[in-house]
Amino acid sequence: MNIYRYPLNETWGTIVERPHMDVSELNAIVASVLADIKKDGDEAVKRYEEKFDHVRLSELAVSEEEINEAEQLVSEDLKESLQLAHDNIWKFHHSQRHTPQKVETAKGVVCWQKSVAIEKVGLYIPGGTAPLFSTVLMLATPAKIAGCKEIVLCTPPNKEGKVHPAILVAARIAGVSKIFKAGGVQAIGAMAYGTESIPKTYKIFGPGNQFVMAAKQQVSLHDVAIDMPAGPSEVCVIADANSNARFVAADLLSQAEHGTDSQVLLITTSEEKLKEVSKEIELQLQQLPRKDVAFKALENSKFVLVHNTEEAMELSNTYAPEHLIIATDDYEQLAAKVINAGSVFLGKYACESAGDYASGTNHTLPTHGYATAYNGVNLDSYNRKITFQHLTEEGIRSIGHAVEVMAANEMLEAHKNAMTVRLREL
């Protein structure tokens, strides 16, 4: 880990900088795969499944029989946990429903907004070493609440052509029935363009590796909307002298085990706490099955000693973390100072894992500093806001002249005339 003690503000750029990589070759590979999917549809998806996931598929769709089989393979304990998490996610996102209000902006001019669900959405669920069945709940639950008519889920199969059973059980709990065996770039292309089996969608959600992220960004240029740009997952923990070092170390490691490119940042006001957390990390790391992954991520981690929590918050807002854990005594006061963050965890008991799984908030969040401009997935992510307005004769009299003057000064005479003919009619 890299330790910075009382760094000057002008050096913060180095601390908050994420690793940069040359993606020109990656983008070329992604573009080539996408072009094949667009041209050859199912055949290309199957071809790339054999190449990348090492499985030969006869059908892309997951059958009802496979979902029923998955039910028998998942323990009752996990099923109950998935149901609890789903219920909490549903409660939180259901509370975000939009209630339209009509506003009379001028006499005879009434405006309002209606929330309309995106009809077709695509959900990408990574498989691989850590199948993210929790992401199924995070993405599908608000889609169902919003009223999306078609929810398409793509996830890579294993070498036997099977989807991880917990992913299928989570999909059933969340109400998703259109599930397809497709991973990586080929899945993104299929949901962007549509194939013989996989429907075209209007917006694609979900995390993935650098190839998936590049594919999402490329298809978003012309073909489909995406949830947000993203990079490797990250956490920032703010700790003081009274923070629990064991908890803080566990939080940092829970992020580090995501992947070797995960970002881990500790900001503390205590030299002693910095040392305690470092020791705890060494102890806990040895107990982790994914310790090699976590160790690699920690090599690029940054521990920063600052003068006070005010400075800690300023640095955190500059970093704009995906996850922010404020484990200090004065977490309530610091919470009010959060400007840039994806999701915030307050107090020593609010671990990132709670939000990742079962507290109810969404874990699909902006990374790589995008929290300065983007929010995480929420109910609005699955809706469009359509505006309406109604004008009476009184409305025309209220704003008609202003419209004529503004249109004339923009030299748009047809715009002016559309109002003028109505004023003359009066």
Protein backbone atom coordinates (compact mmCIF):
# COMPACT_ATOMS: atom_id res chain seq x y z
CA MET A 1 0.00 0.00 0.00
CA ASN A 2 1.08 3.58 -0.63
CA ILE A 3 1.07 5.88 2.42
CA TYR A 4 0.73 9.66 2.21
CA ARG A 5 1.17 11.75 5.36
CA TYR A 6 -0.36 15.21 5.38
CA PRO A 7 -0.13 15.68 1.62
CA LEU A 8 -0.44 19.22 0.26
CA ASN A 9 -3.60 19.99 -1.72
CA GLU A 10 -1.61 20.44 -4.91
CA THR A 11 -0.49 16.78 -4.68
CA TRP A 12 -4.01 15.39 -4.30
CA GLY A 13 -4.23 14.84 -8.05
CA THR A 14 -1.82 11.93 -7.69
CA ILE A 15 -3.83 10.42 -4.84
CA VAL A 16 -7.21 10.54 -6.57
CA GLU A 17 -5.94 9.49 -9.99
CA ARG A 18 -7.15 6.13 -11.26
CA PRO A 19 -4.85 3.89 -13.31
CA HIS A 20 -4.89 4.64 -17.02
CA MET A 21 -4.46 1.95 -19.62
CA ASP A 22 -4.08 1.90 -23.37
CA VAL A 23 -7.45 0.66 -24.61
CA SER A 24 -6.90 1.14 -28.34
CA GLU A 25 -6.28 -2.57 -28.96
CA LEU A 26 -9.14 -3.54 -26.64
CA ASN A 27 -11.55 -1.21 -28.45
CA ALA A 28 -10.55 -2.67 -31.81
CA ILE A 29 -11.27 -6.23 -30.58
CA VAL A 30 -14.61 -5.13 -29.14
CA ALA A 31 -15.61 -3.35 -32.35
CA SER A 32 -14.82 -6.45 -34.37
CA VAL A 33 -16.92 -8.71 -32.13
CA LEU A 34 -19.84 -6.25 -32.16
CA ALA A 35 -19.74 -6.08 -35.95
CA ASP A 36 -19.97 -9.88 -36.14
CA ILE A 37 -22.93 -9.98 -33.73
CA LYS A 38 -24.73 -7.31 -35.76
CA LYS A 39 -24.11 -9.26 -38.98
CA ASP A 40 -24.57 -12.90 -37.95
CA GLY A 41 -26.82 -12.75 -34.86
CA ASP A 42 -27.24 -16.01 -32.93
CA GLU A 43 -24.57 -17.78 -34.98
CA ALA A 44 -21.97 -15.19 -33.98
CA VAL A 45 -23.04 -15.25 -30.32
CA LYS A 46 -22.60 -19.04 -30.24
CA ARG A 47 -19.27 -18.77 -32.02
CA TYR A 48 -17.91 -16.33 -29.45
CA GLU A 49 -19.36 -18.35 -26.57
CA GLU A 50 -17.29 -21.28 -27.79
CA LYS A 51 -14.21 -19.06 -28.17
CA PHE A 52 -14.41 -17.11 -24.90
CA ASP A 53 -16.52 -19.22 -22.53
CA HIS A 54 -15.38 -22.57 -23.99
CA VAL A 55 -18.86 -23.98 -24.41
CA ARG A 56 -20.75 -25.13 -27.51
CA LEU A 57 -24.40 -24.11 -27.24
CA SER A 58 -27.33 -25.42 -29.26
CA GLU A 59 -29.76 -22.92 -27.72
CA LEU A 60 -29.14 -19.51 -26.17
CA ALA A 61 -32.37 -19.29 -24.16
CA VAL A 62 -32.51 -20.74 -20.65
CA SER A 63 -35.44 -23.15 -20.46
CA GLU A 64 -38.10 -23.36 -17.76
CA GLU A 65 -36.75 -26.82 -16.96
CA GLU A 66 -33.31 -25.36 -16.25
CA ILE A 67 -34.80 -22.77 -13.91
CA ASN A 68 -36.76 -25.47 -12.09
CA GLU A 69 -33.59 -27.55 -11.80
CA ALA A 70 -31.75 -24.55 -10.34
CA GLU A 71 -34.38 -24.29 -7.61
CA GLN A 72 -33.32 -27.73 -6.39
CA LEU A 73 -29.63 -26.82 -6.37
CA VAL A 74 -29.87 -23.68 -4.24
CA SER A 75 -30.05 -24.06 -0.47
CA GLU A 76 -33.10 -22.87 1.42
CA ASP A 77 -30.86 -20.53 3.42
CA LEU A 78 -29.70 -18.77 0.25
CA LYS A 79 -33.25 -18.65 -1.14
CA GLU A 80 -34.48 -17.00 2.06
CA SER A 81 -31.58 -14.53 1.95
CA LEU A 82 -32.35 -13.67 -1.67
CA GLN A 83 -36.00 -13.14 -0.80
CA LEU A 84 -35.13 -10.86 2.14
CA ALA A 85 -32.76 -8.83 -0.02
CA HIS A 86 -35.38 -8.58 -2.79
CA ASP A 87 -38.02 -7.38 -0.36
CA ASN A 88 -35.76 -4.61 0.98
CA ILE A 89 -34.67 -3.55 -2.49
CA TRP A 90 -38.32 -3.46 -3.54
CA LYS A 91 -39.33 -1.31 -0.54
CA PHE A 92 -36.58 1.23 -1.13
CA HIS A 93 -37.10 1.55 -4.88
CA HIS A 94 -40.90 1.50 -4.65
CA SER A 95 -40.65 4.59 -2.43
CA GLN A 96 -39.05 6.45 -5.36
CA ARG A 97 -42.21 6.44 -7.51
CA HIS A 98 -42.99 9.75 -9.21
CA THR A 99 -46.26 11.50 -8.45
CA PRO A 100 -47.10 13.93 -11.29
CA GLN A 101 -48.22 17.44 -10.38
CA LYS A 102 -49.85 19.93 -12.71
CA VAL A 103 -48.42 23.44 -12.47
CA GLU A 104 -50.04 26.59 -13.85
CA THR A 105 -46.95 28.51 -14.97
CA ALA A 106 -49.04 31.42 -16.27
CA LYS A 107 -52.75 32.14 -16.57
CA GLY A 108 -54.15 29.52 -18.93
CA VAL A 109 -50.83 27.63 -19.23
CA VAL A 110 -50.68 24.27 -17.42
CA CYS A 111 -47.61 22.02 -17.52
CA TRP A 112 -46.97 18.60 -16.06
CA GLN A 113 -44.67 15.61 -16.30
CA LYS A 114 -45.48 11.92 -16.62
CA SER A 115 -43.13 9.08 -15.77
CA VAL A 116 -43.18 6.33 -18.42
CA ALA A 117 -41.24 3.08 -18.14
CA ILE A 118 -38.66 2.13 -20.76
CA GLU A 119 -40.39 -0.69 -22.60
CA LYS A 120 -37.40 -2.98 -23.22
CA VAL A 121 -34.36 -3.18 -20.94
CA GLY A 122 -31.35 -5.48 -21.02
CA LEU A 123 -29.57 -6.68 -17.89
CA TYR A 124 -26.01 -7.99 -18.01
CA ILE A 125 -25.00 -10.24 -15.11
CA PRO A 126 -21.33 -11.28 -14.90
CA GLY A 127 -20.50 -14.93 -14.21
CA GLY A 128 -16.95 -16.17 -14.00
CA THR A 129 -15.14 -16.48 -10.67
CA ALA A 130 -17.82 -14.53 -8.77
CA PRO A 131 -21.32 -14.93 -10.28
CA LEU A 132 -23.17 -11.80 -9.21
CA PHE A 133 -26.65 -13.10 -8.47
CA SER A 134 -27.15 -10.10 -6.17
CA THR A 135 -26.95 -7.86 -9.25
CA VAL A 136 -29.96 -9.68 -10.69
CA LEU A 137 -32.03 -8.37 -7.78
CA MET A 138 -30.51 -4.89 -7.99
CA LEU A 139 -31.31 -4.49 -11.70
CA ALA A 140 -34.48 -6.49 -12.18
CA THR A 141 -36.42 -5.36 -9.10
CA PRO A 142 -36.64 -1.64 -10.02
CA ALA A 143 -37.32 -2.63 -13.64
CA LYS A 144 -40.39 -4.55 -12.49
CA ILE A 145 -41.53 -1.71 -10.22
CA ALA A 146 -41.13 0.77 -13.07
CA GLY A 147 -43.28 -1.41 -15.32
CA CYS A 148 -40.79 -2.30 -18.06
CA LYS A 149 -42.68 -4.61 -20.43
CA GLU A 150 -39.70 -6.68 -21.50
CA ILE A 151 -36.74 -7.50 -19.25
CA VAL A 152 -33.97 -9.41 -20.99
CA LEU A 153 -31.17 -10.95 -18.93
CA CYS A 154 -27.87 -12.19 -20.38
CA THR A 155 -25.24 -14.04 -18.38
CA PRO A 156 -22.35 -16.33 -19.37
CA PRO A 157 -22.78 -20.10 -18.91
CA ASN A 158 -20.16 -22.45 -17.52
CA LYS A 159 -18.30 -25.02 -19.64
CA GLU A 160 -21.24 -27.41 -19.28
CA GLY A 161 -23.58 -24.82 -20.75
CA LYS A 162 -25.31 -24.16 -17.43
CA VAL A 163 -26.05 -20.81 -15.81
CA HIS A 164 -25.16 -20.51 -12.12
CA PRO A 165 -28.32 -21.73 -10.29
CA ALA A 166 -28.41 -18.79 -7.85
CA ILE A 167 -28.60 -16.40 -10.81
CA LEU A 168 -31.65 -18.26 -12.11
CA VAL A 169 -33.33 -18.38 -8.69
CA ALA A 170 -32.72 -14.66 -8.18
CA ALA A 171 -34.18 -14.00 -11.63
CA ARG A 172 -37.33 -15.94 -10.77
CA ILE A 173 -37.70 -14.09 -7.45
CA ALA A 174 -37.34 -10.75 -9.26
CA GLY A 175 -39.77 -11.76 -12.00
CA VAL A 176 -37.44 -12.15 -15.00
CA SER A 177 -38.30 -14.90 -17.47
CA LYS A 178 -36.26 -14.05 -20.60
CA ILE A 179 -32.80 -15.33 -19.72
CA PHE A 180 -30.05 -16.07 -22.23
CA LYS A 181 -26.67 -17.78 -22.14
CA ALA A 182 -24.38 -15.07 -23.46
CA GLY A 183 -21.45 -13.34 -21.84
CA GLY A 184 -19.05 -10.51 -22.50
CA VAL A 185 -19.09 -8.39 -25.63
CA GLN A 186 -21.39 -10.80 -27.47
CA ALA A 187 -24.11 -10.35 -24.84
CA ILE A 188 -23.92 -6.56 -25.05
CA GLY A 189 -24.04 -6.68 -28.84
CA ALA A 190 -27.01 -9.06 -28.83
CA MET A 191 -29.05 -6.80 -26.52
CA ALA A 192 -28.04 -3.71 -28.50
CA TYR A 193 -28.83 -5.02 -31.99
CA GLY A 194 -31.13 -7.97 -31.39
CA THR A 195 -30.60 -11.48 -32.75
CA GLU A 196 -32.91 -14.32 -33.77
CA SER A 197 -33.19 -15.36 -30.11
CA ILE A 198 -32.23 -12.32 -28.03
CA PRO A 199 -34.53 -9.29 -28.30
CA LYS A 200 -33.16 -5.82 -29.00
CA THR A 201 -33.47 -3.58 -25.95
CA TYR A 202 -33.57 0.19 -25.50
CA LYS A 203 -31.24 0.46 -22.48
CA ILE A 204 -28.58 -1.87 -21.10
CA PHE A 205 -27.70 -2.13 -17.41
CA GLY A 206 -25.04 -4.00 -15.51
CA PRO A 207 -21.37 -4.28 -14.56
CA GLY A 208 -18.61 -6.21 -16.27
CA ASN A 209 -14.94 -6.38 -17.12
CA GLN A 210 -13.10 -3.91 -19.33
CA PHE A 211 -14.36 -5.62 -22.50
CA VAL A 212 -17.99 -5.37 -21.36
CA MET A 213 -17.53 -1.73 -20.39
CA ALA A 214 -15.94 -0.92 -23.75
CA ALA A 215 -18.78 -2.72 -25.55
CA LYS A 216 -21.42 -0.78 -23.62
CA GLN A 217 -19.75 2.52 -24.44
CA GLN A 218 -19.44 1.65 -28.13
CA VAL A 219 -23.06 0.56 -28.60
CA SER A 220 -24.24 3.63 -26.68
CA LEU A 221 -22.92 5.90 -29.44
CA HIS A 222 -25.61 4.92 -31.95
CA ASP A 223 -27.76 1.98 -30.92
CA VAL A 224 -28.86 1.86 -27.28
CA ALA A 225 -28.71 3.76 -24.00
CA ILE A 226 -26.63 2.46 -21.08
CA ASP A 227 -26.90 2.93 -17.33
CA MET A 228 -23.58 4.77 -16.88
CA PRO A 229 -19.91 4.68 -17.85
CA ALA A 230 -17.88 2.69 -15.38
CA GLY A 231 -14.47 1.40 -14.41
CA PRO A 232 -13.12 -0.92 -11.69
CA SER A 233 -14.99 -0.98 -8.38
CA GLU A 234 -13.72 1.19 -5.51
CA VAL A 235 -14.17 2.19 -1.86
CA CYS A 236 -13.05 5.11 0.28
CA VAL A 237 -13.10 4.75 4.07
CA ILE A 238 -12.83 7.77 6.36
CA ALA A 239 -11.63 6.83 9.87
CA ASP A 240 -10.70 8.67 13.05
CA ALA A 241 -8.92 7.68 16.26
CA ASN A 242 -12.03 5.91 17.59
CA SER A 243 -12.83 3.88 14.47
CA ASN A 244 -12.77 0.10 14.80
CA ALA A 245 -9.58 -0.98 12.99
CA ARG A 246 -10.87 -4.52 12.49
CA PHE A 247 -14.03 -3.23 10.82
CA VAL A 248 -12.11 -0.77 8.63
CA ALA A 249 -9.66 -3.43 7.48
CA ALA A 250 -12.53 -5.79 6.69
CA ASP A 251 -14.23 -3.09 4.62
CA LEU A 252 -11.08 -2.37 2.64
CA LEU A 253 -10.50 -6.07 1.99
CA SER A 254 -14.12 -6.66 0.96
CA GLN A 255 -13.51 -4.20 -1.86
CA ALA A 256 -10.01 -5.46 -2.70
CA GLU A 257 -11.27 -9.01 -3.33
CA HIS A 258 -13.48 -7.80 -6.21
CA GLY A 259 -10.57 -7.78 -8.62
CA THR A 260 -6.92 -6.97 -9.03
CA ASP A 261 -7.84 -3.57 -10.47
CA SER A 262 -10.16 -2.61 -7.56
CA GLN A 263 -9.49 0.73 -5.88
CA VAL A 264 -8.97 1.01 -2.11
CA LEU A 265 -8.52 4.37 -0.35
CA LEU A 266 -8.25 5.00 3.41
CA ILE A 267 -8.35 8.55 4.74
CA THR A 268 -7.68 8.89 8.46
CA THR A 269 -6.97 11.60 11.00
CA SER A 270 -4.97 9.22 13.22
CA GLU A 271 -1.43 7.91 12.67
CA GLU A 272 -2.09 5.18 15.23
CA LYS A 273 -5.27 4.09 13.43
CA LEU A 274 -3.39 3.93 10.14
CA LYS A 275 -0.91 1.51 11.73
CA GLU A 276 -3.66 -0.55 13.39
CA VAL A 277 -5.59 -0.92 10.13
CA SER A 278 -2.43 -1.95 8.27
CA LYS A 279 -1.78 -4.70 10.82
CA GLU A 280 -5.38 -5.88 10.70
CA ILE A 281 -5.27 -6.09 6.92
CA GLU A 282 -2.21 -8.35 7.10
CA LEU A 283 -3.97 -10.64 9.58
CA GLN A 284 -7.32 -10.82 7.77
CA LEU A 285 -5.80 -11.13 4.31
CA GLN A 286 -4.32 -14.52 5.14
CA GLN A 287 -7.79 -15.92 5.88
CA LEU A 288 -9.31 -15.00 2.51
CA PRO A 289 -9.81 -17.56 -0.27
CA ARG A 290 -9.29 -14.71 -2.77
CA LYS A 291 -6.23 -13.36 -0.97
CA ASP A 292 -4.12 -13.32 -4.14
CA VAL A 293 -6.66 -11.07 -5.85
CA ALA A 294 -6.98 -8.83 -2.79
CA PHE A 295 -3.20 -8.63 -2.34
CA LYS A 296 -2.74 -7.45 -5.91
CA ALA A 297 -5.42 -4.77 -5.47
CA LEU A 298 -3.84 -3.61 -2.20
CA GLU A 299 -0.52 -3.00 -3.95
CA ASN A 300 -2.16 -0.01 -5.58
CA SER A 301 -4.13 1.07 -2.50
CA LYS A 302 -3.58 4.45 -0.87
CA PHE A 303 -3.63 5.29 2.82
CA VAL A 304 -3.74 9.02 3.54
CA LEU A 305 -3.14 10.74 6.88
CA VAL A 306 -4.85 14.15 7.11
CA HIS A 307 -5.11 16.84 9.78
CA ASN A 308 -8.87 16.66 10.46
CA THR A 309 -12.18 15.29 9.18
CA GLU A 310 -12.87 18.52 7.29
CA GLU A 311 -9.80 17.84 5.17
CA ALA A 312 -10.80 14.18 4.90
CA MET A 313 -14.16 15.13 3.41
CA GLU A 314 -12.55 17.55 0.98
CA LEU A 315 -10.23 14.82 -0.27
CA SER A 316 -13.08 12.31 -0.50
CA ASN A 317 -15.18 14.72 -2.56
CA THR A 318 -12.21 15.24 -4.85
CA TYR A 319 -11.85 11.47 -5.26
CA ALA A 320 -15.63 10.97 -5.83
CA PRO A 321 -15.72 7.32 -4.70
CA GLU A 322 -18.19 4.68 -5.80
CA HIS A 323 -18.59 3.61 -2.15
CA LEU A 324 -17.88 5.94 0.76
CA ILE A 325 -17.77 4.60 4.33
CA ILE A 326 -17.70 7.29 7.04
CA ALA A 327 -16.63 5.34 10.14
CA THR A 328 -15.97 8.34 12.38
CA ASP A 329 -17.66 9.55 15.57
CA ASP A 330 -19.02 12.62 13.78
CA TYR A 331 -20.44 10.73 10.79
CA GLU A 332 -23.74 12.64 10.90
CA GLN A 333 -22.02 16.00 10.52
CA LEU A 334 -19.74 14.65 7.79
CA ALA A 335 -22.67 13.13 5.90
CA ALA A 336 -23.99 16.64 5.28
CA LYS A 337 -20.70 17.50 3.58
CA VAL A 338 -20.81 14.68 1.03
CA ILE A 339 -20.93 16.12 -2.49
CA ASN A 340 -19.46 13.42 -4.73
CA ALA A 341 -20.13 9.74 -3.97
CA GLY A 342 -22.12 6.84 -5.38
CA SER A 343 -23.41 5.36 -2.12
CA VAL A 344 -22.57 6.38 1.45
CA PHE A 345 -22.35 4.16 4.54
CA LEU A 346 -22.58 5.88 7.91
CA GLY A 347 -21.21 4.69 11.25
CA LYS A 348 -19.11 1.72 12.23
CA TYR A 349 -21.82 -0.88 11.55
CA ALA A 350 -22.72 0.22 8.02
CA CYS A 351 -20.41 -1.94 5.93
CA GLU A 352 -20.36 -1.80 2.15
CA SER A 353 -21.52 -5.41 2.09
CA ALA A 354 -24.89 -4.32 3.51
CA GLY A 355 -25.54 -2.14 0.47
CA ASP A 356 -24.06 -4.71 -1.89
CA TYR A 357 -26.66 -7.24 -0.84
CA ALA A 358 -29.58 -6.55 1.41
CA SER A 359 -30.07 -3.08 2.94
CA GLY A 360 -32.24 -2.01 -0.01
CA THR A 361 -30.09 0.60 -1.78
CA ASN A 362 -28.74 -0.20 -5.22
CA HIS A 363 -25.19 -1.42 -5.70
CA THR A 364 -24.89 -0.48 -9.38
CA LEU A 365 -22.95 2.75 -8.94
CA PRO A 366 -20.70 5.22 -10.80
CA THR A 367 -16.98 4.46 -10.58
CA HIS A 368 -13.75 6.02 -11.88
CA GLY A 369 -14.72 9.47 -10.61
CA TYR A 370 -18.02 9.54 -12.51
CA ALA A 371 -19.83 10.16 -9.20
CA THR A 372 -19.12 13.86 -9.87
CA ALA A 373 -21.82 13.76 -12.55
CA TYR A 374 -23.71 10.44 -12.34
CA ASN A 375 -25.83 8.72 -9.72
CA GLY A 376 -26.30 5.02 -9.15
CA VAL A 377 -29.14 2.99 -10.60
CA ASN A 378 -32.53 3.89 -9.14
CA LEU A 379 -36.17 3.76 -10.20
CA ASP A 380 -35.73 6.79 -12.46
CA SER A 381 -33.08 4.86 -14.40
CA TYR A 382 -35.90 2.74 -15.88
CA ASN A 383 -38.22 5.63 -16.67
CA ARG A 384 -38.45 8.55 -19.04
CA LYS A 385 -40.10 11.77 -18.01
CA ILE A 386 -42.45 13.05 -20.70
CA THR A 387 -43.62 16.65 -20.36
CA PHE A 388 -47.09 17.90 -21.27
CA GLN A 389 -48.59 21.35 -21.61
CA HIS A 390 -52.08 22.68 -22.30
CA LEU A 391 -52.83 26.26 -23.34
CA THR A 392 -56.22 27.93 -23.35
CA GLU A 393 -57.08 31.22 -25.07
CA GLU A 394 -56.04 32.92 -21.85
CA GLY A 395 -52.73 31.06 -22.06
CA ILE A 396 -52.08 32.39 -25.54
CA ARG A 397 -52.71 35.93 -24.28
CA SER A 398 -50.41 35.30 -21.27
CA ILE A 399 -47.29 34.21 -23.13
CA GLY A 400 -48.04 34.80 -26.82
CA HIS A 401 -46.27 38.13 -27.17
CA ALA A 402 -43.14 36.89 -25.38
CA VAL A 403 -43.01 33.88 -27.71
CA GLU A 404 -43.30 36.13 -30.78
CA VAL A 405 -40.56 38.46 -29.58
CA MET A 406 -38.15 35.66 -28.72
CA ALA A 407 -38.76 33.78 -31.98
CA ALA A 408 -38.28 36.95 -34.01
CA ASN A 409 -35.00 37.72 -32.26
CA GLU A 410 -33.77 34.20 -33.00
CA MET A 411 -34.79 34.87 -36.62
CA LEU A 412 -37.14 31.89 -36.67
CA GLU A 413 -40.16 33.40 -38.42
CA ALA A 414 -42.09 30.14 -38.71
CA HIS A 415 -41.86 29.75 -34.96
CA LYS A 416 -43.20 33.28 -34.51
CA ASN A 417 -45.96 32.68 -37.03
CA ALA A 418 -47.23 29.56 -35.21
CA MET A 419 -48.06 31.83 -32.29
CA THR A 420 -49.13 34.84 -34.37
CA VAL A 421 -51.88 32.96 -36.23
CA ARG A 422 -53.36 31.93 -32.89
CA LEU A 423 -53.22 35.45 -31.46
CA ARG A 424 -54.97 36.77 -34.57
CA GLU A 425 -57.67 34.12 -34.18
CA LEU A 426 -58.49 35.64 -30.81
